[in-house]
N, C-alpha and C. Protein backbone atom coordinates (compact mmCIF):
# COMPACT_ATOMS: atom_id res chain seq x y z
N UNK A 1 71.26 117.53 80.98
CA UNK A 1 72.26 117.62 80.22
C UNK A 1 73.30 116.86 80.75
N UNK A 2 73.24 116.55 81.90
CA UNK A 2 74.40 115.67 82.77
C UNK A 2 74.37 114.81 82.53
N UNK A 3 73.06 114.03 82.14
CA UNK A 3 72.54 112.87 82.10
C UNK A 3 73.21 112.41 80.31
N UNK A 4 73.06 113.29 79.39
CA UNK A 4 73.62 113.66 77.95
C UNK A 4 74.92 113.14 78.12
N UNK A 5 75.53 113.77 78.98
CA UNK A 5 76.89 113.67 79.23
C UNK A 5 77.44 112.22 79.84
N UNK A 6 77.07 111.81 80.81
CA UNK A 6 77.24 110.76 81.39
C UNK A 6 76.76 109.37 80.18
N UNK A 7 75.75 109.32 79.74
CA UNK A 7 75.30 109.08 78.33
C UNK A 7 76.50 108.38 77.14
N UNK A 8 76.71 109.85 77.09
CA UNK A 8 77.65 109.26 75.98
C UNK A 8 79.11 109.24 76.16
N UNK A 9 79.67 109.44 77.37
CA UNK A 9 80.75 108.68 77.96
C UNK A 9 80.53 107.65 78.51
N UNK A 10 79.36 106.90 78.97
CA UNK A 10 79.09 105.39 78.79
C UNK A 10 79.49 104.51 77.85
N UNK A 11 78.74 105.01 76.51
CA UNK A 11 78.64 104.80 74.92
C UNK A 11 80.20 104.97 75.16
N UNK A 12 81.02 106.05 74.28
CA UNK A 12 82.24 105.98 74.29
C UNK A 12 83.11 105.27 74.75
N UNK A 13 82.96 104.94 75.97
CA UNK A 13 83.56 103.83 76.62
C UNK A 13 83.37 102.45 76.43
N UNK A 14 81.89 102.22 75.95
CA UNK A 14 81.82 100.99 75.87
C UNK A 14 82.24 100.46 74.45
N UNK A 15 82.20 101.65 73.26
CA UNK A 15 82.49 101.27 72.48
C UNK A 15 84.19 101.40 72.18
N UNK A 16 84.77 101.88 72.89
CA UNK A 16 86.27 102.07 73.06
C UNK A 16 86.78 100.37 73.55
N UNK A 17 85.98 99.89 74.47
CA UNK A 17 86.60 98.47 74.73
C UNK A 17 85.92 97.58 74.14
N UNK A 18 84.87 97.67 72.90
CA UNK A 18 84.37 96.72 72.31
C UNK A 18 85.58 96.66 70.93
N UNK A 19 85.95 97.98 70.82
CA UNK A 19 86.31 97.95 69.17
C UNK A 19 88.31 97.77 69.77
N UNK A 20 88.24 97.50 70.86
CA UNK A 20 89.49 97.57 71.45
C UNK A 20 90.05 96.29 71.19
N UNK A 21 89.16 95.29 71.70
CA UNK A 21 88.99 93.92 71.71
C UNK A 21 89.05 93.43 70.34
N UNK A 22 88.40 93.91 69.67
CA UNK A 22 88.19 93.77 68.08
C UNK A 22 89.32 93.79 67.42
N UNK A 23 90.10 94.94 67.52
CA UNK A 23 91.63 95.16 67.16
C UNK A 23 92.39 94.87 67.90
N UNK A 24 92.21 94.03 68.97
CA UNK A 24 93.23 93.46 69.80
C UNK A 24 94.07 94.31 70.76
N UNK A 25 93.36 95.31 71.02
CA UNK A 25 94.29 96.30 72.24
C UNK A 25 94.47 95.68 73.64
N UNK A 26 93.03 94.42 74.07
CA UNK A 26 93.40 93.59 74.90
C UNK A 26 95.08 92.99 75.22
N UNK A 27 95.34 92.60 74.02
CA UNK A 27 96.90 91.82 74.33
C UNK A 27 97.59 92.60 73.90
N UNK A 28 97.58 93.78 73.91
CA UNK A 28 98.83 94.70 73.51
C UNK A 28 99.41 94.96 74.83
N UNK A 29 100.85 95.02 75.32
CA UNK A 29 101.59 95.48 76.23
C UNK A 29 100.92 96.67 76.84
N UNK A 30 100.75 97.01 78.24
CA UNK A 30 100.59 98.28 78.73
C UNK A 30 101.81 99.17 78.30
N UNK A 31 101.15 100.49 78.85
CA UNK A 31 102.17 101.51 79.16
C UNK A 31 103.05 101.95 79.99
N UNK A 32 102.72 101.37 81.31
CA UNK A 32 103.54 101.87 82.48
C UNK A 32 104.53 101.47 82.14
N UNK A 33 105.53 100.48 81.61
CA UNK A 33 106.49 99.52 81.23
C UNK A 33 106.60 98.68 82.46
N UNK A 34 105.41 97.98 82.39
CA UNK A 34 105.20 97.19 83.88
C UNK A 34 105.03 95.69 82.96
N UNK A 35 104.49 94.41 83.39
CA UNK A 35 104.58 93.34 82.93
C UNK A 35 102.52 93.37 82.19
N UNK A 36 101.97 94.53 82.60
CA UNK A 36 100.22 94.40 82.47
C UNK A 36 99.99 94.61 81.09
N UNK A 37 98.72 93.99 80.86
CA UNK A 37 98.66 94.57 79.09
C UNK A 37 97.81 95.49 79.02
N UNK A 38 97.63 96.15 78.20
CA UNK A 38 96.95 97.38 77.92
C UNK A 38 95.59 97.96 78.68
N UNK A 39 94.40 96.95 78.91
CA UNK A 39 94.15 96.91 79.42
C UNK A 39 93.72 97.02 81.04
N UNK A 40 94.70 96.14 81.16
CA UNK A 40 94.95 96.41 82.69
C UNK A 40 95.75 97.83 82.88
N UNK A 41 96.42 98.67 82.58
CA UNK A 41 96.59 99.79 82.58
C UNK A 41 95.48 100.76 82.23
N UNK A 42 94.81 100.71 81.62
CA UNK A 42 93.51 101.51 81.04
C UNK A 42 93.22 101.49 82.60
N UNK A 43 92.53 100.15 83.03
CA UNK A 43 91.72 99.56 84.58
C UNK A 43 92.12 100.41 85.44
N UNK A 44 93.30 100.24 85.74
CA UNK A 44 94.07 100.75 87.02
C UNK A 44 93.75 102.75 87.00
N UNK A 45 94.03 103.21 85.96
CA UNK A 45 93.55 104.23 85.72
C UNK A 45 91.85 104.61 86.17
N UNK A 46 91.27 104.12 85.47
CA UNK A 46 89.96 104.46 85.67
C UNK A 46 89.20 104.00 86.91
N UNK A 47 90.02 103.43 87.12
CA UNK A 47 89.55 102.79 88.26
C UNK A 47 89.97 103.91 89.56
N UNK A 48 91.08 104.21 89.54
CA UNK A 48 91.80 105.54 90.22
C UNK A 48 90.57 106.45 90.32
N UNK A 49 90.56 107.06 88.99
CA UNK A 49 89.63 108.11 89.07
C UNK A 49 88.64 107.83 89.40
N UNK A 50 87.73 106.83 89.40
CA UNK A 50 86.27 106.26 89.48
C UNK A 50 86.36 106.37 91.19
N UNK A 51 87.29 106.17 92.02
CA UNK A 51 87.61 106.12 93.88
C UNK A 51 87.53 107.81 93.86
N UNK A 52 88.25 108.51 93.10
CA UNK A 52 88.18 109.98 93.07
C UNK A 52 86.91 110.40 93.17
N UNK A 53 86.17 110.00 91.88
CA UNK A 53 84.92 110.59 91.80
C UNK A 53 84.11 110.46 92.85
N UNK A 54 84.15 109.04 93.47
CA UNK A 54 82.67 108.98 94.63
C UNK A 54 83.50 109.57 95.50
N UNK A 55 84.67 109.94 95.90
CA UNK A 55 85.30 110.82 97.01
C UNK A 55 84.83 112.33 97.04
N UNK A 56 84.76 112.74 95.45
CA UNK A 56 84.21 114.27 95.39
C UNK A 56 82.88 114.09 95.74
N UNK A 57 82.02 112.94 95.34
CA UNK A 57 80.87 112.94 95.45
C UNK A 57 80.61 112.78 96.97
N UNK A 58 81.44 112.34 97.72
CA UNK A 58 81.12 112.15 99.01
C UNK A 58 81.34 113.81 99.48
N UNK A 59 82.52 114.79 99.09
CA UNK A 59 82.29 116.20 99.73
C UNK A 59 80.98 117.08 98.99
N UNK A 60 80.78 116.46 97.77
CA UNK A 60 79.68 117.06 97.64
C UNK A 60 78.19 117.00 98.13
N UNK A 61 78.40 115.95 99.09
CA UNK A 61 76.83 115.68 99.79
C UNK A 61 77.06 116.72 101.03
N UNK A 62 78.10 116.36 101.88
CA UNK A 62 78.45 117.15 102.73
C UNK A 62 78.39 118.31 103.17
N UNK A 63 78.53 118.96 101.58
CA UNK A 63 77.83 120.39 101.23
C UNK A 63 76.87 120.79 100.99
N UNK A 64 75.78 119.59 101.06
CA UNK A 64 74.48 119.87 100.46
C UNK A 64 74.17 120.23 99.27
N UNK A 65 75.09 119.85 98.31
CA UNK A 65 74.74 119.74 96.85
C UNK A 65 74.43 118.37 96.75
N UNK A 66 72.66 118.06 97.15
CA UNK A 66 72.43 116.93 96.51
C UNK A 66 72.45 116.35 95.05
N UNK A 67 72.17 116.93 94.17
CA UNK A 67 71.82 116.83 93.03
C UNK A 67 73.22 116.64 92.25
N UNK A 68 74.37 117.21 92.83
CA UNK A 68 75.18 117.01 91.78
C UNK A 68 76.00 115.79 92.82
N UNK A 69 76.03 115.69 94.01
CA UNK A 69 75.95 114.26 94.45
C UNK A 69 75.47 112.96 94.10
N UNK A 70 73.81 113.14 93.62
CA UNK A 70 73.29 112.27 92.65
C UNK A 70 74.14 112.15 91.53
N UNK A 71 74.23 113.20 90.20
CA UNK A 71 74.96 112.63 89.47
C UNK A 71 76.27 112.49 89.44
N UNK A 72 77.23 112.57 90.50
CA UNK A 72 78.18 112.22 90.51
C UNK A 72 78.14 110.52 90.66
N UNK A 73 77.47 110.46 91.44
CA UNK A 73 77.59 108.87 92.27
C UNK A 73 76.97 108.02 91.14
N UNK A 74 76.14 108.49 90.57
CA UNK A 74 75.19 107.75 89.36
C UNK A 74 76.54 107.66 88.10
N UNK A 75 77.02 108.44 87.97
CA UNK A 75 77.89 108.13 87.02
C UNK A 75 79.25 107.40 87.45
N UNK A 76 79.42 107.37 88.80
CA UNK A 76 80.57 106.61 89.22
C UNK A 76 80.33 105.31 88.97
N UNK A 77 78.92 104.77 89.52
CA UNK A 77 78.32 103.59 89.57
C UNK A 77 78.42 102.82 88.22
N UNK A 78 77.93 103.42 87.03
CA UNK A 78 77.60 103.20 86.04
C UNK A 78 78.87 103.32 84.91
N UNK A 79 79.94 104.16 85.26
CA UNK A 79 81.20 103.88 84.94
C UNK A 79 82.02 102.37 85.29
N UNK A 80 81.45 102.25 86.66
CA UNK A 80 82.20 101.18 87.32
C UNK A 80 81.75 99.90 86.63
N UNK A 81 80.28 100.09 86.81
CA UNK A 81 79.33 98.77 86.05
C UNK A 81 80.45 98.40 84.56
N UNK A 82 80.56 99.24 83.86
CA UNK A 82 80.72 99.13 82.45
C UNK A 82 82.37 98.67 82.89
N UNK A 83 83.39 99.10 83.54
CA UNK A 83 84.46 98.67 83.66
C UNK A 83 84.60 97.04 84.18
N UNK A 84 83.33 96.89 85.02
CA UNK A 84 83.61 95.76 85.63
C UNK A 84 83.19 94.25 85.17
N UNK A 85 82.11 94.66 83.71
CA UNK A 85 82.17 93.73 82.85
C UNK A 85 83.16 93.51 82.29
N UNK A 86 83.65 94.69 81.40
CA UNK A 86 84.79 94.39 80.37
C UNK A 86 85.96 94.17 80.59
N UNK A 87 86.37 94.00 81.88
CA UNK A 87 87.14 94.06 82.54
C UNK A 87 87.38 93.04 83.28
N UNK A 88 87.24 93.39 84.87
CA UNK A 88 87.36 92.10 85.55
C UNK A 88 86.32 91.04 86.08
N UNK A 89 85.12 91.58 84.91
CA UNK A 89 84.35 90.25 85.24
C UNK A 89 84.98 89.03 84.35
N UNK A 90 85.10 89.68 83.01
CA UNK A 90 85.78 88.51 82.65
C UNK A 90 86.64 87.72 82.88
N UNK A 91 87.58 88.70 83.47
CA UNK A 91 88.75 87.71 84.39
C UNK A 91 88.45 86.47 85.48
N UNK A 92 87.31 87.61 86.34
CA UNK A 92 86.57 86.89 87.30
C UNK A 92 85.82 85.30 86.75
N UNK A 93 84.95 85.55 85.81
CA UNK A 93 85.01 84.17 85.51
C UNK A 93 85.66 82.91 84.68
N UNK A 94 86.75 83.64 84.34
CA UNK A 94 87.89 83.03 83.78
C UNK A 94 88.34 82.07 85.03
N UNK A 95 88.66 82.53 86.08
CA UNK A 95 89.02 81.88 87.10
C UNK A 95 88.28 80.94 87.51
N UNK A 96 86.91 81.01 87.46
CA UNK A 96 86.01 80.37 88.19
C UNK A 96 85.63 78.93 86.74
N UNK A 97 86.34 78.68 85.72
CA UNK A 97 86.33 77.79 84.94
C UNK A 97 86.79 76.23 85.90
N UNK A 98 86.23 75.08 85.77
CA UNK A 98 86.47 74.16 85.56
C UNK A 98 87.93 74.11 85.43
N UNK A 99 88.74 72.98 86.31
CA UNK A 99 90.17 72.95 85.91
C UNK A 99 91.09 73.77 86.32
N UNK A 100 90.87 75.01 86.96
CA UNK A 100 91.90 75.86 87.30
C UNK A 100 92.15 75.42 88.71
N UNK A 101 93.42 75.83 88.76
CA UNK A 101 94.26 75.46 89.38
C UNK A 101 94.14 76.52 90.64
N UNK A 102 93.82 75.92 92.02
CA UNK A 102 93.82 77.04 92.84
C UNK A 102 95.09 77.02 93.39
N UNK A 103 95.15 78.43 93.33
CA UNK A 103 96.26 79.09 94.05
C UNK A 103 96.18 80.13 95.00
N UNK A 104 96.95 81.01 95.94
CA UNK A 104 97.12 81.67 96.66
C UNK A 104 96.84 83.05 95.87
N UNK A 105 97.20 83.10 94.78
CA UNK A 105 96.97 84.48 94.15
C UNK A 105 95.43 84.31 93.16
N UNK A 106 94.87 83.05 93.04
CA UNK A 106 93.80 82.61 92.65
C UNK A 106 92.96 82.98 93.55
N UNK A 107 92.92 82.84 94.89
CA UNK A 107 92.33 82.65 96.01
C UNK A 107 92.15 84.30 95.98
N UNK A 108 93.21 85.25 96.44
CA UNK A 108 93.36 86.29 96.55
C UNK A 108 92.21 87.22 95.46
N UNK A 109 92.11 86.73 94.14
CA UNK A 109 91.54 87.53 93.43
C UNK A 109 89.93 87.10 93.49
N UNK A 110 89.83 86.01 93.75
CA UNK A 110 88.22 85.65 93.94
C UNK A 110 88.42 86.14 95.02
N UNK A 111 88.41 86.54 95.99
CA UNK A 111 88.10 87.20 97.32
C UNK A 111 87.75 88.90 96.74
N UNK A 112 88.66 89.72 96.12
CA UNK A 112 88.61 91.02 95.32
C UNK A 112 87.27 90.99 94.54
N UNK A 113 87.36 90.06 93.67
CA UNK A 113 86.06 89.80 92.98
C UNK A 113 85.04 89.96 93.71
N UNK A 114 84.84 89.21 94.29
CA UNK A 114 83.44 89.08 94.98
C UNK A 114 83.02 90.17 96.08
N UNK A 115 84.37 90.61 96.80
CA UNK A 115 84.05 91.98 97.60
C UNK A 115 83.85 93.26 96.41
N UNK A 116 84.12 93.02 95.29
CA UNK A 116 83.40 94.32 93.99
C UNK A 116 82.09 93.67 93.80
N UNK A 117 81.80 92.48 93.63
CA UNK A 117 80.64 92.24 93.28
C UNK A 117 79.44 92.89 94.10
N UNK A 118 79.86 92.95 95.63
CA UNK A 118 79.39 93.43 96.54
C UNK A 118 79.02 94.64 96.85
N UNK A 119 79.85 95.33 96.66
CA UNK A 119 80.18 96.91 95.94
C UNK A 119 79.27 97.08 95.15
N UNK A 120 79.23 96.51 94.10
CA UNK A 120 79.05 97.06 92.90
C UNK A 120 77.08 96.90 93.17
N UNK A 121 76.80 95.34 93.62
CA UNK A 121 75.03 95.43 93.81
C UNK A 121 74.77 96.80 94.65
N UNK A 122 75.56 96.81 95.78
CA UNK A 122 74.83 98.10 96.41
C UNK A 122 75.08 99.29 96.11
N UNK A 123 76.21 99.71 95.42
CA UNK A 123 76.10 100.73 94.57
C UNK A 123 74.80 100.62 93.45
N UNK A 124 74.54 99.83 92.85
CA UNK A 124 73.35 99.49 92.11
C UNK A 124 72.07 99.65 92.72
N UNK A 125 72.01 99.16 93.70
CA UNK A 125 70.79 99.65 94.96
C UNK A 125 70.46 101.13 95.09
N UNK A 126 71.82 101.63 95.65
CA UNK A 126 71.78 103.08 96.13
C UNK A 126 71.52 103.89 94.70
N UNK A 127 72.22 103.81 93.61
CA UNK A 127 71.97 104.50 92.22
C UNK A 127 70.35 104.00 91.90
N UNK A 128 69.62 103.09 92.21
CA UNK A 128 68.11 102.83 91.92
C UNK A 128 67.37 104.13 93.02
N UNK A 129 67.72 103.93 94.52
CA UNK A 129 67.09 104.73 95.41
C UNK A 129 67.46 105.89 95.01
N UNK A 130 68.20 106.53 95.16
CA UNK A 130 68.82 107.65 94.77
C UNK A 130 67.92 108.19 93.56
N UNK A 131 67.83 107.70 92.91
CA UNK A 131 67.20 108.23 91.52
C UNK A 131 65.46 107.64 91.79
N UNK A 132 64.96 107.55 92.81
CA UNK A 132 63.64 107.23 92.66
C UNK A 132 63.16 105.99 91.70
N UNK A 133 64.12 104.99 91.65
CA UNK A 133 64.01 104.10 90.51
C UNK A 133 62.98 102.76 91.44
N UNK A 134 63.17 102.56 92.73
CA UNK A 134 62.63 101.90 93.51
C UNK A 134 60.86 102.22 94.18
N UNK A 135 60.61 101.08 93.77
CA UNK A 135 59.14 101.29 94.56
C UNK A 135 59.50 101.33 96.26
N UNK A 136 58.04 101.95 97.09
CA UNK A 136 58.65 102.20 98.41
C UNK A 136 58.70 100.88 99.03
N UNK A 137 58.39 100.20 98.73
CA UNK A 137 58.69 98.61 99.91
C UNK A 137 60.33 98.03 99.42
N UNK A 138 60.66 98.96 98.64
CA UNK A 138 62.11 97.94 98.62
C UNK A 138 63.03 99.14 99.15
N UNK A 139 62.50 100.45 99.46
CA UNK A 139 63.23 101.40 100.18
C UNK A 139 63.59 101.23 101.41
N UNK A 140 65.11 101.40 101.63
CA UNK A 140 65.31 101.49 103.08
C UNK A 140 65.26 102.61 103.94
N UNK A 141 65.49 102.47 105.38
CA UNK A 141 65.81 104.15 105.99
C UNK A 141 67.26 104.55 105.87
N UNK A 142 67.90 103.40 106.44
CA UNK A 142 69.42 103.58 106.52
C UNK A 142 70.39 103.64 105.59
N UNK A 143 69.97 104.42 104.73
CA UNK A 143 70.73 105.08 103.32
C UNK A 143 71.80 105.55 103.80
N UNK A 144 72.31 106.20 104.74
CA UNK A 144 73.11 107.23 104.78
C UNK A 144 74.66 105.92 105.00
N UNK A 145 73.94 104.70 106.41
CA UNK A 145 75.08 103.79 106.50
C UNK A 145 75.44 103.07 105.35
N UNK A 146 74.39 102.88 104.26
CA UNK A 146 75.12 101.82 103.14
C UNK A 146 75.20 102.64 102.48
N UNK A 147 75.52 104.00 102.26
CA UNK A 147 76.07 104.61 101.42
C UNK A 147 77.56 104.70 102.26
N UNK A 148 77.59 104.60 102.98
CA UNK A 148 79.49 104.77 103.89
C UNK A 148 79.79 103.00 103.59
N UNK A 149 78.91 102.06 103.70
CA UNK A 149 79.51 101.13 103.52
C UNK A 149 79.81 100.63 101.93
N UNK A 150 79.06 101.05 101.41
CA UNK A 150 79.48 101.04 99.76
C UNK A 150 80.71 101.86 99.36
N UNK A 151 80.88 103.16 99.98
CA UNK A 151 81.67 103.46 99.61
C UNK A 151 83.24 103.20 100.44
N UNK A 152 82.84 102.45 101.47
CA UNK A 152 84.10 101.49 102.36
C UNK A 152 84.77 100.78 101.26
N UNK A 153 83.48 99.87 100.72
CA UNK A 153 83.53 98.45 100.12
C UNK A 153 84.16 98.95 98.74
N UNK A 154 83.99 100.27 98.19
CA UNK A 154 84.77 100.83 96.88
C UNK A 154 86.12 101.16 96.76
N UNK A 155 86.92 101.37 98.34
CA UNK A 155 87.63 101.52 98.49
C UNK A 155 88.76 100.68 98.70
N UNK A 156 88.16 99.61 99.32
CA UNK A 156 88.80 98.17 99.84
C UNK A 156 89.11 97.44 98.65
N UNK A 157 88.23 97.78 97.06
CA UNK A 157 87.99 96.87 96.64
C UNK A 157 89.23 97.70 95.49
N UNK A 158 89.36 99.01 95.07
CA UNK A 158 90.53 99.57 94.86
C UNK A 158 91.86 99.89 95.53
N UNK A 159 92.18 99.49 96.79
CA UNK A 159 93.07 99.11 97.34
C UNK A 159 93.44 98.03 96.85
N UNK A 160 92.89 97.07 97.14
CA UNK A 160 93.20 95.77 96.69
C UNK A 160 93.53 95.54 95.21
N UNK A 161 92.60 96.27 94.09
CA UNK A 161 93.16 95.93 92.84
C UNK A 161 94.68 96.50 92.81
N UNK A 162 94.96 97.56 93.11
CA UNK A 162 96.20 98.28 93.31
C UNK A 162 97.65 97.22 94.13
N UNK A 163 97.39 96.76 94.97
CA UNK A 163 98.18 95.69 95.54
C UNK A 163 98.12 94.41 94.85
N UNK A 164 96.96 93.84 93.86
CA UNK A 164 96.86 92.38 92.61
C UNK A 164 97.84 93.28 91.58
N UNK A 165 97.60 94.77 91.19
CA UNK A 165 98.45 94.86 89.87
C UNK A 165 99.96 95.23 90.25
N UNK A 166 100.35 95.25 91.84
CA UNK A 166 101.59 95.16 91.84
C UNK A 166 102.30 94.15 91.84
N UNK A 167 101.74 92.92 92.41
CA UNK A 167 102.02 91.93 92.98
C UNK A 167 102.06 91.17 91.22
N UNK A 168 101.41 91.05 90.76
CA UNK A 168 101.21 90.06 89.12
C UNK A 168 102.25 90.88 88.23
N UNK A 169 101.93 92.23 88.20
CA UNK A 169 102.55 92.95 87.06
C UNK A 169 103.95 93.89 87.33
N UNK A 170 104.21 93.76 88.44
CA UNK A 170 105.47 94.81 88.73
C UNK A 170 106.47 93.77 90.08
N UNK A 171 106.40 92.53 90.27
CA UNK A 171 106.91 91.84 91.34
C UNK A 171 107.37 91.13 90.30
N UNK A 172 109.24 90.59 90.16
CA UNK A 172 109.45 90.00 88.92
C UNK A 172 110.37 88.66 89.66
């Protein structure tokens, strides 16, 4: 049942994002009253909710609710992957185009994106590990430490995203 809900949620998110681009939502002004476009405001909310979800997952495992932890973390990693592809990935690729003028803000975004990619890759590895989708030879023993690293990286990336949002869209 949980897999169906997560799957439907991911499908709805992808449809919203694709149709939103088709109908120009990505070009509309945001709803927080800042200089941010609509999709940046959506991304901000979703990323905050994902960090909350990952934190809930942390408390679930500490309370020995392994299945609930597995479902929560799997859902958060998959949603983050979708959001990364449709929001941050597109921006990140545009930053790396030849001819882009290198500035402090570009360097900050590239640094933020690189840490985000590392967090996502670790999260995907843990997702595969947690759901028994990796061959024995690819499994590691220190998964608790890797989970801590992934959680820390996700928090650093989320905080960095808040700082970048503030600097780009709120400071005039």
